C-alpha atoms as a PDB file:
ATOM      1  CA  UNK A   1     -29.455  -1.339  42.549  1.00  0.00           C
ATOM      2  CA  UNK A   2     -28.423   1.976  44.125  1.00  0.00           C
ATOM      3  CA  UNK A   3     -25.621   2.285  41.589  1.00  0.00           C
ATOM      4  CA  UNK A   4     -28.105   1.775  38.735  1.00  0.00           C
ATOM      5  CA  UNK A   5     -30.508   4.402  40.101  1.00  0.00           C
ATOM      6  CA  UNK A   6     -27.631   6.856  40.471  1.00  0.00           C
ATOM      7  CA  UNK A   7     -26.607   6.363  36.822  1.00  0.00           C
ATOM      8  CA  UNK A   8     -30.213   6.806  35.640  1.00  0.00           C
ATOM      9  CA  UNK A   9     -30.617   9.978  37.708  1.00  0.00           C
ATOM     10  CA  UNK A  10     -27.306  11.408  36.466  1.00  0.00           C
ATOM     11  CA  UNK A  11     -28.228  10.626  32.852  1.00  0.00           C
ATOM     12  CA  UNK A  12     -31.633  12.279  33.313  1.00  0.00           C
ATOM     13  CA  UNK A  13     -30.044  15.469  34.668  1.00  0.00           C
ATOM     14  CA  UNK A  14     -27.538  15.503  31.805  1.00  0.00           C
ATOM     15  CA  UNK A  15     -30.280  15.103  29.180  1.00  0.00           C
ATOM     16  CA  UNK A  16     -32.358  17.862  30.752  1.00  0.00           C
ATOM     17  CA  UNK A  17     -29.393  20.218  30.566  1.00  0.00           C
ATOM     18  CA  UNK A  18     -28.889  19.351  26.888  1.00  0.00           C
ATOM     19  CA  UNK A  19     -32.524  19.666  25.849  1.00  0.00           C
ATOM     20  CA  UNK A  20     -32.459  23.459  25.549  1.00  0.00           C
ATOM     21  CA  UNK A  21     -33.848  24.935  22.314  1.00  0.00           C
ATOM     22  CA  UNK A  22     -31.296  25.235  19.512  1.00  0.00           C
ATOM     23  CA  UNK A  23     -32.215  28.806  18.629  1.00  0.00           C
ATOM     24  CA  UNK A  24     -32.923  31.153  21.515  1.00  0.00           C
ATOM     25  CA  UNK A  25     -30.098  30.160  23.911  1.00  0.00           C
ATOM     26  CA  UNK A  26     -27.540  30.375  21.097  1.00  0.00           C
ATOM     27  CA  UNK A  27     -28.758  33.832  20.125  1.00  0.00           C
ATOM     28  CA  UNK A  28     -28.571  34.896  23.776  1.00  0.00           C
ATOM     29  CA  UNK A  29     -25.047  33.529  24.158  1.00  0.00           C
ATOM     30  CA  UNK A  30     -23.895  35.209  20.925  1.00  0.00           C
ATOM     31  CA  UNK A  31     -25.351  38.540  22.010  1.00  0.00           C
ATOM     32  CA  UNK A  32     -23.610  38.288  25.382  1.00  0.00           C
ATOM     33  CA  UNK A  33     -20.304  37.439  23.698  1.00  0.00           C
ATOM     34  CA  UNK A  34     -20.663  40.427  21.364  1.00  0.00           C
ATOM     35  CA  UNK A  35     -20.940  42.551  24.541  1.00  0.00           C
ATOM     36  CA  UNK A  36     -22.754  45.564  23.052  1.00  0.00           C
ATOM     37  CA  UNK A  37     -23.415  48.600  25.245  1.00  0.00           C
ATOM     38  CA  UNK A  38     -27.126  48.723  26.049  1.00  0.00           C
ATOM     39  CA  UNK A  39     -27.813  51.799  23.910  1.00  0.00           C
ATOM     40  CA  UNK A  40     -26.068  50.435  20.813  1.00  0.00           C
ATOM     41  CA  UNK A  41     -27.792  47.071  21.206  1.00  0.00           C
ATOM     42  CA  UNK A  42     -31.151  48.867  21.361  1.00  0.00           C
ATOM     43  CA  UNK A  43     -30.270  50.775  18.187  1.00  0.00           C
ATOM     44  CA  UNK A  44     -29.229  47.604  16.332  1.00  0.00           C
ATOM     45  CA  UNK A  45     -32.437  45.808  17.326  1.00  0.00           C
ATOM     46  CA  UNK A  46     -34.565  48.839  16.400  1.00  0.00           C
ATOM     47  CA  UNK A  47     -33.019  48.925  12.907  1.00  0.00           C
ATOM     48  CA  UNK A  48     -33.624  45.171  12.527  1.00  0.00           C
ATOM     49  CA  UNK A  49     -37.265  45.680  13.536  1.00  0.00           C
ATOM     50  CA  UNK A  50     -37.595  48.535  11.049  1.00  0.00           C
ATOM     51  CA  UNK A  51     -36.155  46.355   8.259  1.00  0.00           C
ATOM     52  CA  UNK A  52     -38.666  43.611   9.133  1.00  0.00           C
ATOM     53  CA  UNK A  53     -41.541  46.097   8.873  1.00  0.00           C
ATOM     54  CA  UNK A  54     -40.250  47.596   5.618  1.00  0.00           C
ATOM     55  CA  UNK A  55     -39.874  44.191   3.954  1.00  0.00           C
ATOM     56  CA  UNK A  56     -43.337  43.045   5.104  1.00  0.00           C
ATOM     57  CA  UNK A  57     -44.974  46.161   3.630  1.00  0.00           C
ATOM     58  CA  UNK A  58     -42.917  46.053   0.427  1.00  0.00           C
ATOM     59  CA  UNK A  59     -44.016  42.445  -0.060  1.00  0.00           C
ATOM     60  CA  UNK A  60     -47.649  43.453   0.406  1.00  0.00           C
ATOM     61  CA  UNK A  61     -47.170  45.992  -2.386  1.00  0.00           C
ATOM     62  CA  UNK A  62     -45.591  43.298  -4.565  1.00  0.00           C
ATOM     63  CA  UNK A  63     -42.354  45.163  -5.296  1.00  0.00           C
ATOM     64  CA  UNK A  64     -39.706  43.365  -7.322  1.00  0.00           C
ATOM     65  CA  UNK A  65     -36.134  44.639  -7.322  1.00  0.00           C
ATOM     66  CA  UNK A  66     -34.666  41.757  -9.348  1.00  0.00           C
ATOM     67  CA  UNK A  67     -33.833  44.259 -12.104  1.00  0.00           C
ATOM     68  CA  UNK A  68     -32.512  46.987  -9.826  1.00  0.00           C
ATOM     69  CA  UNK A  69     -29.942  49.373 -11.281  1.00  0.00           C
ATOM     70  CA  UNK A  70     -27.570  51.868  -9.695  1.00  0.00           C
ATOM     71  CA  UNK A  71     -29.108  54.817 -11.496  1.00  0.00           C
ATOM     72  CA  UNK A  72     -30.210  58.006  -9.771  1.00  0.00           C
ATOM     73  CA  UNK A  73     -33.788  57.349 -10.929  1.00  0.00           C
ATOM     74  CA  UNK A  74     -33.891  53.882  -9.321  1.00  0.00           C
ATOM     75  CA  UNK A  75     -32.390  55.253  -6.116  1.00  0.00           C
ATOM     76  CA  UNK A  76     -35.106  57.931  -5.948  1.00  0.00           C
ATOM     77  CA  UNK A  77     -37.805  55.319  -6.589  1.00  0.00           C
ATOM     78  CA  UNK A  78     -36.369  52.981  -3.968  1.00  0.00           C
ATOM     79  CA  UNK A  79     -36.350  55.608  -1.224  1.00  0.00           C
ATOM     80  CA  UNK A  80     -39.869  56.650  -2.154  1.00  0.00           C
ATOM     81  CA  UNK A  81     -40.895  52.997  -1.731  1.00  0.00           C
ATOM     82  CA  UNK A  82     -39.081  52.898   1.623  1.00  0.00           C
ATOM     83  CA  UNK A  83     -40.836  56.046   2.814  1.00  0.00           C
ATOM     84  CA  UNK A  84     -44.213  54.485   2.068  1.00  0.00           C
ATOM     85  CA  UNK A  85     -43.258  51.073   3.507  1.00  0.00           C
ATOM     86  CA  UNK A  86     -41.553  52.177   6.718  1.00  0.00           C
ATOM     87  CA  UNK A  87     -43.775  51.848   9.818  1.00  0.00           C
ATOM     88  CA  UNK A  88     -41.897  54.680  11.540  1.00  0.00           C
ATOM     89  CA  UNK A  89     -41.773  57.045   8.540  1.00  0.00           C
ATOM     90  CA  UNK A  90     -45.486  56.516   7.887  1.00  0.00           C
ATOM     91  CA  UNK A  91     -46.366  57.139  11.516  1.00  0.00           C
ATOM     92  CA  UNK A  92     -44.192  60.261  11.679  1.00  0.00           C
ATOM     93  CA  UNK A  93     -45.262  61.421   8.191  1.00  0.00           C
ATOM     94  CA  UNK A  94     -41.629  61.785   7.139  1.00  0.00           C
ATOM     95  CA  UNK A  95     -40.632  63.123   3.745  1.00  0.00           C
ATOM     96  CA  UNK A  96     -38.171  61.636   1.255  1.00  0.00           C
ATOM     97  CA  UNK A  97     -35.605  64.338   2.055  1.00  0.00           C
ATOM     98  CA  UNK A  98     -35.653  63.257   5.695  1.00  0.00           C
ATOM     99  CA  UNK A  99     -34.929  59.589   5.060  1.00  0.00           C
ATOM    100  CA  UNK A 100     -32.608  59.703   2.040  1.00  0.00           C
ATOM    101  CA  UNK A 101     -29.051  60.331   3.212  1.00  0.00           C
ATOM    102  CA  UNK A 102     -27.331  63.014   1.155  1.00  0.00           C
ATOM    103  CA  UNK A 103     -23.926  61.716   0.078  1.00  0.00           C
ATOM    104  CA  UNK A 104     -22.314  65.131   0.398  1.00  0.00           C
ATOM    105  CA  UNK A 105     -23.543  65.440   3.962  1.00  0.00           C
ATOM    106  CA  UNK A 106     -22.082  62.065   4.936  1.00  0.00           C
ATOM    107  CA  UNK A 107     -18.692  62.960   3.477  1.00  0.00           C
ATOM    108  CA  UNK A 108     -18.617  66.396   5.134  1.00  0.00           C
ATOM    109  CA  UNK A 109     -19.727  64.993   8.486  1.00  0.00           C
ATOM    110  CA  UNK A 110     -17.141  62.212   8.360  1.00  0.00           C
ATOM    111  CA  UNK A 111     -14.436  64.816   7.862  1.00  0.00           C
ATOM    112  CA  UNK A 112     -15.656  67.128  10.631  1.00  0.00           C
ATOM    113  CA  UNK A 113     -17.103  64.691  13.201  1.00  0.00           C
ATOM    114  CA  UNK A 114     -15.015  61.515  13.185  1.00  0.00           C
ATOM    115  CA  UNK A 115     -11.593  61.315  14.808  1.00  0.00           C
ATOM    116  CA  UNK A 116      -8.743  59.512  12.990  1.00  0.00           C
ATOM    117  CA  UNK A 117      -9.144  56.383  15.135  1.00  0.00           C
ATOM    118  CA  UNK A 118     -12.918  56.359  14.550  1.00  0.00           C
ATOM    119  CA  UNK A 119     -12.450  56.636  10.782  1.00  0.00           C
ATOM    120  CA  UNK A 120      -9.895  53.820  10.781  1.00  0.00           C
ATOM    121  CA  UNK A 121     -12.198  51.579  12.806  1.00  0.00           C
ATOM    122  CA  UNK A 122     -15.166  52.280  10.510  1.00  0.00           C
ATOM    123  CA  UNK A 123     -13.017  51.222   7.555  1.00  0.00           C
ATOM    124  CA  UNK A 124     -11.911  48.102   9.408  1.00  0.00           C
ATOM    125  CA  UNK A 125     -15.461  47.167  10.453  1.00  0.00           C
ATOM    126  CA  UNK A 126     -16.744  47.487   6.887  1.00  0.00           C
ATOM    127  CA  UNK A 127     -13.821  45.534   5.434  1.00  0.00           C
ATOM    128  CA  UNK A 128     -13.900  42.666   7.932  1.00  0.00           C
ATOM    129  CA  UNK A 129     -17.670  42.230   7.828  1.00  0.00           C
ATOM    130  CA  UNK A 130     -17.605  42.339   4.042  1.00  0.00           C
ATOM    131  CA  UNK A 131     -15.052  39.518   3.856  1.00  0.00           C
ATOM    132  CA  UNK A 132     -16.868  37.144   6.243  1.00  0.00           C
ATOM    133  CA  UNK A 133     -17.615  33.889   4.423  1.00  0.00           C
ATOM    134  CA  UNK A 134     -20.087  32.272   6.825  1.00  0.00           C
ATOM    135  CA  UNK A 135     -22.609  33.420   9.407  1.00  0.00           C
ATOM    136  CA  UNK A 136     -20.392  32.050  12.176  1.00  0.00           C
ATOM    137  CA  UNK A 137     -17.391  33.901  10.755  1.00  0.00           C
ATOM    138  CA  UNK A 138     -19.435  37.121  10.558  1.00  0.00           C
ATOM    139  CA  UNK A 139     -20.467  36.846  14.213  1.00  0.00           C
ATOM    140  CA  UNK A 140     -16.914  36.003  15.268  1.00  0.00           C
ATOM    141  CA  UNK A 141     -15.618  39.124  13.523  1.00  0.00           C
ATOM    142  CA  UNK A 142     -18.198  41.301  15.287  1.00  0.00           C
ATOM    143  CA  UNK A 143     -17.131  39.906  18.671  1.00  0.00           C
ATOM    144  CA  UNK A 144     -13.446  40.522  17.886  1.00  0.00           C
ATOM    145  CA  UNK A 145     -14.154  44.050  16.618  1.00  0.00           C
ATOM    146  CA  UNK A 146     -16.118  44.931  19.753  1.00  0.00           C
ATOM    147  CA  UNK A 147     -13.320  43.631  21.973  1.00  0.00           C
ATOM    148  CA  UNK A 148     -10.830  45.827  20.115  1.00  0.00           C
ATOM    149  CA  UNK A 149     -13.081  48.881  20.346  1.00  0.00           C
ATOM    150  CA  UNK A 150     -13.243  48.451  24.131  1.00  0.00           C
ATOM    151  CA  UNK A 151      -9.470  47.981  24.322  1.00  0.00           C
ATOM    152  CA  UNK A 152      -8.147  50.536  21.817  1.00  0.00           C
ATOM    153  CA  UNK A 153     -10.663  53.365  21.415  1.00  0.00           C
ATOM    154  CA  UNK A 154     -11.146  56.114  24.050  1.00  0.00           C
ATOM    155  CA  UNK A 155     -14.459  55.573  25.829  1.00  0.00           C
ATOM    156  CA  UNK A 156     -15.861  58.913  24.676  1.00  0.00           C
ATOM    157  CA  UNK A 157     -15.351  57.841  21.029  1.00  0.00           C
ATOM    158  CA  UNK A 158     -16.756  54.295  21.272  1.00  0.00           C
ATOM    159  CA  UNK A 159     -20.514  54.794  20.853  1.00  0.00           C
ATOM    160  CA  UNK A 160     -20.514  55.577  17.125  1.00  0.00           C
ATOM    161  CA  UNK A 161     -18.428  52.456  16.449  1.00  0.00           C
ATOM    162  CA  UNK A 162     -20.618  50.189  18.582  1.00  0.00           C
ATOM    163  CA  UNK A 163     -23.634  51.548  16.699  1.00  0.00           C
ATOM    164  CA  UNK A 164     -22.029  50.352  13.457  1.00  0.00           C
ATOM    165  CA  UNK A 165     -21.247  46.838  14.720  1.00  0.00           C
ATOM    166  CA  UNK A 166     -24.669  46.498  16.400  1.00  0.00           C
ATOM    167  CA  UNK A 167     -26.565  47.437  13.236  1.00  0.00           C
ATOM    168  CA  UNK A 168     -24.456  45.075  11.135  1.00  0.00           C
ATOM    169  CA  UNK A 169     -24.956  42.269  13.682  1.00  0.00           C
ATOM    170  CA  UNK A 170     -28.713  42.564  14.227  1.00  0.00           C
ATOM    171  CA  UNK A 171     -29.525  43.932  10.755  1.00  0.00           C
ATOM    172  CA  UNK A 172     -27.858  41.044   8.942  1.00  0.00           C
ATOM    173  CA  UNK A 173     -29.393  38.528  11.356  1.00  0.00           C
ATOM    174  CA  UNK A 174     -32.796  39.901  10.392  1.00  0.00           C
ATOM    175  CA  UNK A 175     -32.075  39.857   6.656  1.00  0.00           C
ATOM    176  CA  UNK A 176     -30.810  36.267   6.833  1.00  0.00           C
ATOM    177  CA  UNK A 177     -33.886  35.261   8.807  1.00  0.00           C
ATOM    178  CA  UNK A 178     -36.158  36.824   6.172  1.00  0.00           C
ATOM    179  CA  UNK A 179     -34.265  35.020   3.417  1.00  0.00           C
ATOM    180  CA  UNK A 180     -34.417  31.671   5.182  1.00  0.00           C
ATOM    181  CA  UNK A 181     -38.186  32.084   5.566  1.00  0.00           C
ATOM    182  CA  UNK A 182     -38.454  32.992   1.879  1.00  0.00           C
ATOM    183  CA  UNK A 183     -40.005  36.406   2.573  1.00  0.00           C
ATOM    184  CA  UNK A 184     -37.164  38.738   1.632  1.00  0.00           C
ATOM    185  CA  UNK A 185     -38.031  41.196  -1.171  1.00  0.00           C
ATOM    186  CA  UNK A 186     -36.851  39.939  -4.606  1.00  0.00           C
ATOM    187  CA  UNK A 187     -33.397  41.205  -5.632  1.00  0.00           C
ATOM    188  CA  UNK A 188     -31.149  40.418  -8.560  1.00  0.00           C
ATOM    189  CA  UNK A 189     -29.056  38.270  -6.221  1.00  0.00           C
ATOM    190  CA  UNK A 190     -31.993  36.249  -4.887  1.00  0.00           C
ATOM    191  CA  UNK A 191     -33.259  35.643  -8.400  1.00  0.00           C
ATOM    192  CA  UNK A 192     -30.096  33.597  -9.062  1.00  0.00           C
ATOM    193  CA  UNK A 193     -29.155  32.114  -5.720  1.00  0.00           C
ATOM    194  CA  UNK A 194     -30.137  33.042  -2.181  1.00  0.00           C
ATOM    195  CA  UNK A 195     -27.777  35.218  -0.171  1.00  0.00           C
ATOM    196  CA  UNK A 196     -27.815  32.800   2.743  1.00  0.00           C
ATOM    197  CA  UNK A 197     -26.845  29.831   0.592  1.00  0.00           C
ATOM    198  CA  UNK A 198     -23.981  31.779  -0.937  1.00  0.00           C
ATOM    199  CA  UNK A 199     -22.562  33.129   2.302  1.00  0.00           C
ATOM    200  CA  UNK A 200     -22.689  29.651   3.835  1.00  0.00           C
ATOM    201  CA  UNK A 201     -20.888  28.177   0.838  1.00  0.00           C
ATOM    202  CA  UNK A 202     -18.203  30.863   0.896  1.00  0.00           C
ATOM    203  CA  UNK A 203     -19.053  32.244  -2.545  1.00  0.00           C
ATOM    204  CA  UNK A 204     -17.276  35.362  -3.725  1.00  0.00           C
ATOM    205  CA  UNK A 205     -18.930  38.526  -4.936  1.00  0.00           C
ATOM    206  CA  UNK A 206     -18.813  39.051  -8.678  1.00  0.00           C
ATOM    207  CA  UNK A 207     -17.490  42.304 -10.091  1.00  0.00           C
ATOM    208  CA  UNK A 208     -20.984  43.313 -11.171  1.00  0.00           C
ATOM    209  CA  UNK A 209     -22.525  42.425  -7.855  1.00  0.00           C
ATOM    210  CA  UNK A 210     -24.683  39.725  -9.428  1.00  0.00           C
ATOM    211  CA  UNK A 211     -22.878  36.644  -8.157  1.00  0.00           C
ATOM    212  CA  UNK A 212     -21.476  35.406  -4.875  1.00  0.00           C
ATOM    213  CA  UNK A 213     -22.448  36.791  -1.495  1.00  0.00           C
ATOM    214  CA  UNK A 214     -23.676  40.368  -1.324  1.00  0.00           C
ATOM    215  CA  UNK A 215     -22.063  41.873   1.771  1.00  0.00           C
ATOM    216  CA  UNK A 216     -21.757  45.503   0.742  1.00  0.00           C
ATOM    217  CA  UNK A 217     -21.664  47.702   3.842  1.00  0.00           C
ATOM    218  CA  UNK A 218     -19.882  50.795   2.579  1.00  0.00           C
ATOM    219  CA  UNK A 219     -22.729  53.338   2.624  1.00  0.00           C
ATOM    220  CA  UNK A 220     -24.384  51.741   5.669  1.00  0.00           C
ATOM    221  CA  UNK A 221     -21.230  51.895   7.783  1.00  0.00           C
ATOM    222  CA  UNK A 222     -20.493  55.546   7.101  1.00  0.00           C
ATOM    223  CA  UNK A 223     -24.148  56.602   7.412  1.00  0.00           C
ATOM    224  CA  UNK A 224     -24.315  55.043  10.892  1.00  0.00           C
ATOM    225  CA  UNK A 225     -20.955  56.462  11.962  1.00  0.00           C
ATOM    226  CA  UNK A 226     -21.835  60.078  11.165  1.00  0.00           C
ATOM    227  CA  UNK A 227     -25.375  59.897  12.547  1.00  0.00           C
ATOM    228  CA  UNK A 228     -26.141  61.683  15.771  1.00  0.00           C
ATOM    229  CA  UNK A 229     -26.284  59.229  18.699  1.00  0.00           C
ATOM    230  CA  UNK A 230     -29.886  58.958  19.864  1.00  0.00           C
ATOM    231  CA  UNK A 231     -31.021  58.658  23.499  1.00  0.00           C
ATOM    232  CA  UNK A 232     -32.079  55.063  24.217  1.00  0.00           C
ATOM    233  CA  UNK A 233     -35.553  56.127  25.277  1.00  0.00           C
ATOM    234  CA  UNK A 234     -36.231  57.690  21.866  1.00  0.00           C
ATOM    235  CA  UNK A 235     -34.341  55.283  19.647  1.00  0.00           C
ATOM    236  CA  UNK A 236     -37.192  52.999  18.633  1.00  0.00           C
ATOM    237  CA  UNK A 237     -39.211  55.887  17.224  1.00  0.00           C
ATOM    238  CA  UNK A 238     -36.213  57.720  15.781  1.00  0.00           C
ATOM    239  CA  UNK A 239     -36.073  58.480  12.054  1.00  0.00           C
ATOM    240  CA  UNK A 240     -32.436  57.327  12.298  1.00  0.00           C
ATOM    241  CA  UNK A 241     -33.661  53.717  12.266  1.00  0.00           C
ATOM    242  CA  UNK A 242     -35.515  54.406   9.006  1.00  0.00           C
ATOM    243  CA  UNK A 243     -32.449  55.998   7.404  1.00  0.00           C
ATOM    244  CA  UNK A 244     -30.076  53.199   8.384  1.00  0.00           C
ATOM    245  CA  UNK A 245     -32.553  50.414   7.594  1.00  0.00           C
ATOM    246  CA  UNK A 246     -33.213  51.971   4.184  1.00  0.00           C
ATOM    247  CA  UNK A 247     -29.514  52.344   3.358  1.00  0.00           C
ATOM    248  CA  UNK A 248     -28.803  48.734   4.362  1.00  0.00           C
ATOM    249  CA  UNK A 249     -31.650  47.400   2.215  1.00  0.00           C
ATOM    250  CA  UNK A 250     -30.511  49.587  -0.689  1.00  0.00           C
ATOM    251  CA  UNK A 251     -27.023  48.080  -0.508  1.00  0.00           C
ATOM    252  CA  UNK A 252     -28.456  44.552  -0.366  1.00  0.00           C
ATOM    253  CA  UNK A 253     -30.740  45.265  -3.337  1.00  0.00           C
ATOM    254  CA  UNK A 254     -28.149  46.944  -5.579  1.00  0.00           C
ATOM    255  CA  UNK A 255     -25.077  45.114  -4.239  1.00  0.00           C
ATOM    256  CA  UNK A 256     -22.815  47.824  -5.585  1.00  0.00           C
ATOM    257  CA  UNK A 257     -19.043  47.232  -5.451  1.00  0.00           C
ATOM    258  CA  UNK A 258     -16.657  49.862  -4.141  1.00  0.00           C
ATOM    259  CA  UNK A 259     -12.975  50.607  -4.802  1.00  0.00           C
ATOM    260  CA  UNK A 260     -12.239  51.232  -1.138  1.00  0.00           C
ATOM    261  CA  UNK A 261     -13.874  51.060   2.287  1.00  0.00           C
ATOM    262  CA  UNK A 262     -12.564  54.543   3.087  1.00  0.00           C
ATOM    263  CA  UNK A 263     -14.656  57.696   3.012  1.00  0.00           C
ATOM    264  CA  UNK A 264     -12.940  58.449  -0.316  1.00  0.00           C
ATOM    265  CA  UNK A 265     -14.241  55.154  -1.668  1.00  0.00           C
ATOM    266  CA  UNK A 266     -17.731  55.983  -0.418  1.00  0.00           C
ATOM    267  CA  UNK A 267     -17.654  59.408  -2.085  1.00  0.00           C
ATOM    268  CA  UNK A 268     -16.318  57.916  -5.333  1.00  0.00           C
ATOM    269  CA  UNK A 269     -19.027  55.262  -5.374  1.00  0.00           C
ATOM    270  CA  UNK A 270     -21.745  57.868  -4.917  1.00  0.00           C
ATOM    271  CA  UNK A 271     -20.156  60.188  -7.498  1.00  0.00           C
ATOM    272  CA  UNK A 272     -20.126  57.406 -10.100  1.00  0.00           C
ATOM    273  CA  UNK A 273     -23.782  56.630  -9.381  1.00  0.00           C
ATOM    274  CA  UNK A 274     -24.846  60.098 -10.538  1.00  0.00           C
ATOM    275  CA  UNK A 275     -25.148  59.911 -14.351  1.00  0.00           C
ATOM    276  CA  UNK A 276     -24.544  63.659 -14.590  1.00  0.00           C
ATOM    277  CA  UNK A 277     -20.917  63.212 -13.518  1.00  0.00           C
ATOM    278  CA  UNK A 278     -18.196  62.266 -16.002  1.00  0.00           C
ATOM    279  CA  UNK A 279     -16.330  59.141 -14.839  1.00  0.00           C
ATOM    280  CA  UNK A 280     -13.030  60.988 -15.330  1.00  0.00           C
ATOM    281  CA  UNK A 281     -14.142  63.660 -12.839  1.00  0.00           C
ATOM    282  CA  UNK A 282     -15.056  61.056 -10.205  1.00  0.00           C
ATOM    283  CA  UNK A 283     -11.755  59.198 -10.605  1.00  0.00           C
ATOM    284  CA  UNK A 284      -9.718  62.409 -10.460  1.00  0.00           C
ATOM    285  CA  UNK A 285     -11.555  63.442  -7.283  1.00  0.00           C
ATOM    286  CA  UNK A 286     -10.984  59.971  -5.811  1.00  0.00           C
ATOM    287  CA  UNK A 287      -7.219  60.209  -6.394  1.00  0.00           C
ATOM    288  CA  UNK A 288      -7.114  63.679  -4.831  1.00  0.00           C
ATOM    289  CA  UNK A 289      -9.138  62.447  -1.861  1.00  0.00           C
ATOM    290  CA  UNK A 290      -6.745  59.579  -1.236  1.00  0.00           C
ATOM    291  CA  UNK A 291      -3.867  62.062  -1.149  1.00  0.00           C
ATOM    292  CA  UNK A 292      -5.650  64.570   1.098  1.00  0.00           C
ATOM    293  CA  UNK A 293      -7.688  62.193   3.219  1.00  0.00           C
ATOM    294  CA  UNK A 294     -10.963  63.977   2.434  1.00  0.00           C
ATOM    295  CA  UNK A 295     -13.160  64.713  -0.585  1.00  0.00           C
ATOM    296  CA  UNK A 296     -13.022  68.303  -1.847  1.00  0.00           C
ATOM    297  CA  UNK A 297     -13.205  68.571  -5.596  1.00  0.00           C
ATOM    298  CA  UNK A 298     -14.004  71.248  -8.186  1.00  0.00           C
ATOM    299  CA  UNK A 299     -17.349  70.523  -9.816  1.00  0.00           C
ATOM    300  CA  UNK A 300     -18.138  67.968  -7.130  1.00  0.00           C
ATOM    301  CA  UNK A 301     -21.483  66.186  -7.295  1.00  0.00           C
END
């Protein structure tokens, strides 16, 4: 009898330990494994919150980006929509010029602000996150990247890199959550097959960005890296969250491919997007940039 009671009690304890919710504890464990510094984690979560607010307000306005293009006119329209949909930008009465990242500024800042090891890590972060085939694989890559940043990057140079991985981690979690709930703004990818279904099935991105998983992080990664680190106490209200959230949504909406994850690839991608630039000029500048390591070109956009 005592033996039977002992078995029942042991089984009860075991079942209680296994009855934890499937969602929250896993998210907590993943976040702990990713081991973000407190300030970067706050930034990543603030961007995710901003994206949630933007998408909710864009849905209320009934926007439909299923026919989005990579033209300068669409880009201007998109950022105007973001300005009007962003909870933070509306509250702070921000202008378009404040929230739309100037490509030239990003390129110049990357050259003057980032150290060689920071630039190499930004390229690696973008490349590895872009090639993740499943949500689990994406999270695993973030954890590995963070471990390497702690181990290989001087402490004084780590914050910008952790900001990149934190925004990718929490931003993409938010976007996937919105897609799973069916409340993500319509894009040309979602009109064919949901992003979440594709990334879980390991689909590849088509050359025109219309098929496979859309994991384009080129502009987002560099925009975060060159941004000025914001004190944790001000980060939630910072316009930086609007800028980064807007850039990430723009990349998800347009799903534009890039020839390289480097700053040269970023500059080339932005150059090609401006219809005023001849393609031959952009390609010539791209080749020169790869040789020099930075973008300086006659007649640059």
